Amino acid sequence: MKNSILSILTIALLIIGIGATAQEAYSVKSFKMTVAGTSSLHEWESKVTKVDAKASLAMEGSELKALNSLSVTVPARSIVSPKGKIMDNKTYEALKADKHPNITFTLSAAQLTGLNVAATGKLTIAGVTKTTKINAKGKVDASGNITFSGSKDIVLPDYGMEPPTALMGSIKVGEQVTVKYELTLAPTGAAGSTK
């Protein structure tokens, strides 16, 4: 009898423990993302207007216990410059947007330090896929939404892209750009617009 009660208690505790750190699907609630760089004339910055992201997280209260999966998709043509269509068209040409309409990141592994994440995954830009590392700072709000923020430097030729030029080559964009992001994920069903 004692053994039966102990067994039942053990199973109950295991179920409670599993439930407390259960995996849950998350998707985009809100985001801010920019792509910035330099040129021979001036610095520039473009805004990303659409992001789709899906993740599987294990949370225990406000603690992130595991980041099991993450995929992020940015349509190349959602990158928009305040300088207008000429800059946009140069960007889309460099990204080979007609042939490769999406920029994607797929998580392979994640190391957690509290809410901060050191992620390794496959980044695909202009049809070229490379393994890369991205570090993100995490923050959880009262509703259980989690926000990851950080930045990533990307060297265009690493992904087979030629830095855009203008005015017969007299203006040339630098080979490195910096992507800054703040991505808020909410449990699926609570997520809102991606714009």
Protein backbone atom coordinates (compact mmCIF):
# COMPACT_ATOMS: atom_id res chain seq x y z
CA MET A 1 0.00 0.00 0.00
CA LYS A 2 2.81 2.38 0.98
CA ASN A 3 4.59 1.62 -2.29
CA SER A 4 1.41 2.35 -4.27
CA ILE A 5 0.94 5.75 -2.59
CA LEU A 6 4.61 6.62 -3.16
CA SER A 7 4.33 5.62 -6.81
CA ILE A 8 1.22 7.76 -7.29
CA LEU A 9 2.89 10.75 -5.57
CA THR A 10 6.02 10.34 -7.69
CA ILE A 11 3.99 10.22 -10.93
CA ALA A 12 1.95 13.26 -9.84
CA LEU A 13 5.11 15.25 -9.10
CA LEU A 14 6.59 14.29 -12.46
CA ILE A 15 3.45 15.40 -14.27
CA ILE A 16 3.45 18.72 -12.39
CA GLY A 17 7.16 19.20 -13.17
CA ILE A 18 6.65 18.44 -16.87
CA GLY A 19 3.63 20.75 -17.01
CA ALA A 20 5.56 23.62 -15.43
CA THR A 21 8.20 23.51 -18.15
CA ALA A 22 6.01 22.32 -21.01
CA GLN A 23 6.93 23.31 -24.52
CA GLU A 24 4.65 25.90 -26.03
CA ALA A 25 4.40 27.38 -29.51
CA TYR A 26 5.11 31.10 -29.89
CA SER A 27 4.74 33.49 -32.82
CA VAL A 28 5.35 37.18 -33.54
CA LYS A 29 3.42 39.73 -31.49
CA SER A 30 5.46 42.78 -32.51
CA PHE A 31 8.89 43.68 -33.83
CA LYS A 32 11.35 46.42 -34.75
CA MET A 33 14.08 45.60 -37.24
CA THR A 34 16.48 47.73 -39.26
CA VAL A 35 19.35 47.17 -41.68
CA ALA A 36 22.07 49.84 -41.55
CA GLY A 37 25.33 50.42 -43.35
CA THR A 38 27.67 52.93 -44.88
CA SER A 39 28.43 54.17 -48.36
CA SER A 40 31.08 56.36 -49.95
CA LEU A 41 28.58 59.24 -49.61
CA HIS A 42 26.76 58.76 -46.27
CA GLU A 43 25.45 56.29 -43.71
CA TRP A 44 22.05 54.74 -44.44
CA GLU A 45 19.33 52.74 -42.72
CA SER A 46 16.39 50.74 -44.05
CA LYS A 47 13.40 49.45 -42.09
CA VAL A 48 12.04 45.90 -42.17
CA THR A 49 8.25 46.03 -42.47
CA LYS A 50 7.36 42.34 -42.20
CA VAL A 51 8.70 39.46 -40.09
CA ASP A 52 7.31 35.97 -39.55
CA ALA A 53 8.73 33.91 -36.69
CA LYS A 54 7.73 30.67 -35.00
CA ALA A 55 9.34 29.20 -31.91
CA SER A 56 8.94 26.41 -29.39
CA LEU A 57 9.90 27.52 -25.90
CA ALA A 58 9.86 25.90 -22.49
CA MET A 59 9.05 28.48 -19.82
CA GLU A 60 8.82 28.07 -16.06
CA GLY A 61 7.17 31.20 -14.73
CA SER A 62 9.32 34.05 -16.02
CA GLU A 63 12.33 31.78 -16.61
CA LEU A 64 13.31 30.48 -20.04
CA LYS A 65 14.23 26.83 -19.60
CA ALA A 66 14.71 25.85 -23.26
CA LEU A 67 14.57 27.27 -26.75
CA ASN A 68 13.74 24.14 -28.70
CA SER A 69 13.13 25.60 -32.14
CA LEU A 70 13.06 28.97 -33.89
CA SER A 71 12.52 29.96 -37.49
CA VAL A 72 12.48 33.55 -38.73
CA THR A 73 11.50 34.68 -42.23
CA VAL A 74 11.95 38.19 -43.60
CA PRO A 75 10.64 38.86 -47.13
CA ALA A 76 13.45 40.61 -49.00
CA ARG A 77 11.02 43.16 -50.43
CA SER A 78 9.84 44.12 -46.93
CA ILE A 79 13.12 46.03 -46.49
CA VAL A 80 12.23 49.66 -47.24
CA SER A 81 14.43 52.75 -47.35
CA PRO A 82 13.23 56.27 -46.45
CA LYS A 83 15.27 57.39 -49.47
CA GLY A 84 12.75 55.85 -51.88
CA LYS A 85 12.44 53.30 -54.65
CA ILE A 86 15.89 53.76 -56.21
CA MET A 87 17.57 52.61 -52.98
CA ASP A 88 14.97 49.87 -52.55
CA ASN A 89 15.54 48.52 -56.05
CA LYS A 90 19.31 48.48 -55.48
CA THR A 91 18.72 46.55 -52.23
CA TYR A 92 16.43 43.99 -53.90
CA GLU A 93 18.90 43.54 -56.74
CA ALA A 94 21.75 42.86 -54.27
CA LEU A 95 19.50 40.40 -52.37
CA LYS A 96 18.50 38.68 -55.65
CA ALA A 97 14.93 39.09 -54.41
CA ASP A 98 13.29 37.95 -57.66
CA LYS A 99 14.96 34.54 -57.41
CA HIS A 100 15.27 34.32 -53.61
CA PRO A 101 12.33 36.23 -52.10
CA ASN A 102 13.00 35.36 -48.43
CA ILE A 103 15.79 35.78 -45.90
CA THR A 104 15.57 33.01 -43.31
CA PHE A 105 17.16 31.90 -40.06
CA THR A 106 16.60 28.41 -38.64
CA LEU A 107 17.89 27.52 -35.19
CA SER A 108 20.22 24.53 -34.82
CA ALA A 109 21.22 24.91 -31.15
CA ALA A 110 20.82 27.40 -28.31
CA GLN A 111 22.76 28.00 -25.10
CA LEU A 112 20.87 29.84 -22.37
CA THR A 113 22.18 32.10 -19.66
CA GLY A 114 19.08 33.19 -17.81
CA LEU A 115 16.95 34.86 -20.49
CA ASN A 116 19.91 35.52 -22.79
CA VAL A 117 20.48 33.23 -25.76
CA ALA A 118 23.57 32.30 -27.77
CA ALA A 119 21.99 30.79 -30.87
CA THR A 120 23.63 28.84 -33.69
CA GLY A 121 21.70 28.30 -36.87
CA LYS A 122 21.43 28.44 -40.65
CA LEU A 123 21.13 31.93 -42.13
CA THR A 124 20.07 32.10 -45.77
CA ILE A 125 20.45 35.34 -47.73
CA ALA A 126 20.27 35.72 -51.52
CA GLY A 127 20.10 31.94 -51.85
CA VAL A 128 23.32 31.30 -49.89
CA THR A 129 23.12 29.42 -46.58
CA LYS A 130 25.78 29.66 -43.88
CA THR A 131 26.01 28.56 -40.25
CA THR A 132 26.15 31.62 -38.03
CA LYS A 133 25.93 32.66 -34.37
CA ILE A 134 23.48 35.24 -33.05
CA ASN A 135 23.40 36.53 -29.47
CA ALA A 136 20.14 37.87 -28.08
CA LYS A 137 19.05 39.42 -24.78
CA GLY A 138 15.70 38.18 -23.48
CA LYS A 139 13.01 39.88 -21.43
CA VAL A 140 9.66 38.50 -20.26
CA ASP A 141 6.66 40.75 -19.60
CA ALA A 142 3.72 40.28 -17.21
CA SER A 143 1.65 38.59 -19.95
CA GLY A 144 4.29 35.90 -20.56
CA ASN A 145 5.47 37.38 -23.86
CA ILE A 146 9.22 37.18 -24.44
CA THR A 147 11.25 39.81 -26.28
CA PHE A 148 14.62 39.02 -27.84
CA SER A 149 16.85 41.92 -28.91
CA GLY A 150 20.30 42.27 -30.38
CA SER A 151 22.26 42.95 -33.54
CA LYS A 152 24.14 40.99 -36.16
CA ASP A 153 26.85 42.16 -38.56
CA ILE A 154 26.65 40.64 -42.04
CA VAL A 155 29.37 40.85 -44.70
CA LEU A 156 27.58 40.97 -48.06
CA PRO A 157 30.20 39.09 -50.17
CA ASP A 158 30.00 36.16 -47.68
CA TYR A 159 26.53 35.57 -49.09
CA GLY A 160 27.46 36.11 -52.73
CA MET A 161 26.11 39.66 -52.80
CA GLU A 162 27.76 42.61 -54.49
CA PRO A 163 27.43 45.87 -52.53
CA PRO A 164 25.07 48.16 -54.48
CA THR A 165 26.47 51.09 -56.43
CA ALA A 166 24.91 54.24 -57.89
CA LEU A 167 25.84 57.07 -60.27
CA MET A 168 27.96 54.82 -62.50
CA GLY A 169 29.85 53.39 -59.54
CA SER A 170 30.78 56.71 -57.96
CA ILE A 171 28.67 55.85 -54.89
CA LYS A 172 29.27 52.43 -53.37
CA VAL A 173 27.73 50.76 -50.32
CA GLY A 174 30.12 49.27 -47.75
CA GLU A 175 30.53 45.50 -47.65
CA GLN A 176 29.20 45.15 -44.08
CA VAL A 177 25.69 45.86 -42.84
CA THR A 178 24.25 45.64 -39.32
CA VAL A 179 20.84 44.15 -38.60
CA LYS A 180 19.29 45.40 -35.35
CA TYR A 181 16.19 43.66 -34.04
CA GLU A 182 13.69 43.57 -31.21
CA LEU A 183 11.34 40.62 -31.63
CA THR A 184 8.47 39.99 -29.22
CA LEU A 185 7.00 36.49 -29.26
CA ALA A 186 3.66 35.57 -27.69
CA PRO A 187 2.11 32.16 -27.04
CA THR A 188 0.26 31.14 -30.21
CA GLY A 189 -3.29 32.44 -30.07
CA ALA A 190 -2.18 35.60 -28.27
CA ALA A 191 0.04 36.84 -31.09
CA GLY A 192 -0.97 39.86 -33.12
CA SER A 193 0.02 41.47 -36.40
CA THR A 194 3.48 41.11 -37.92
CA LYS A 195 3.46 44.71 -39.06
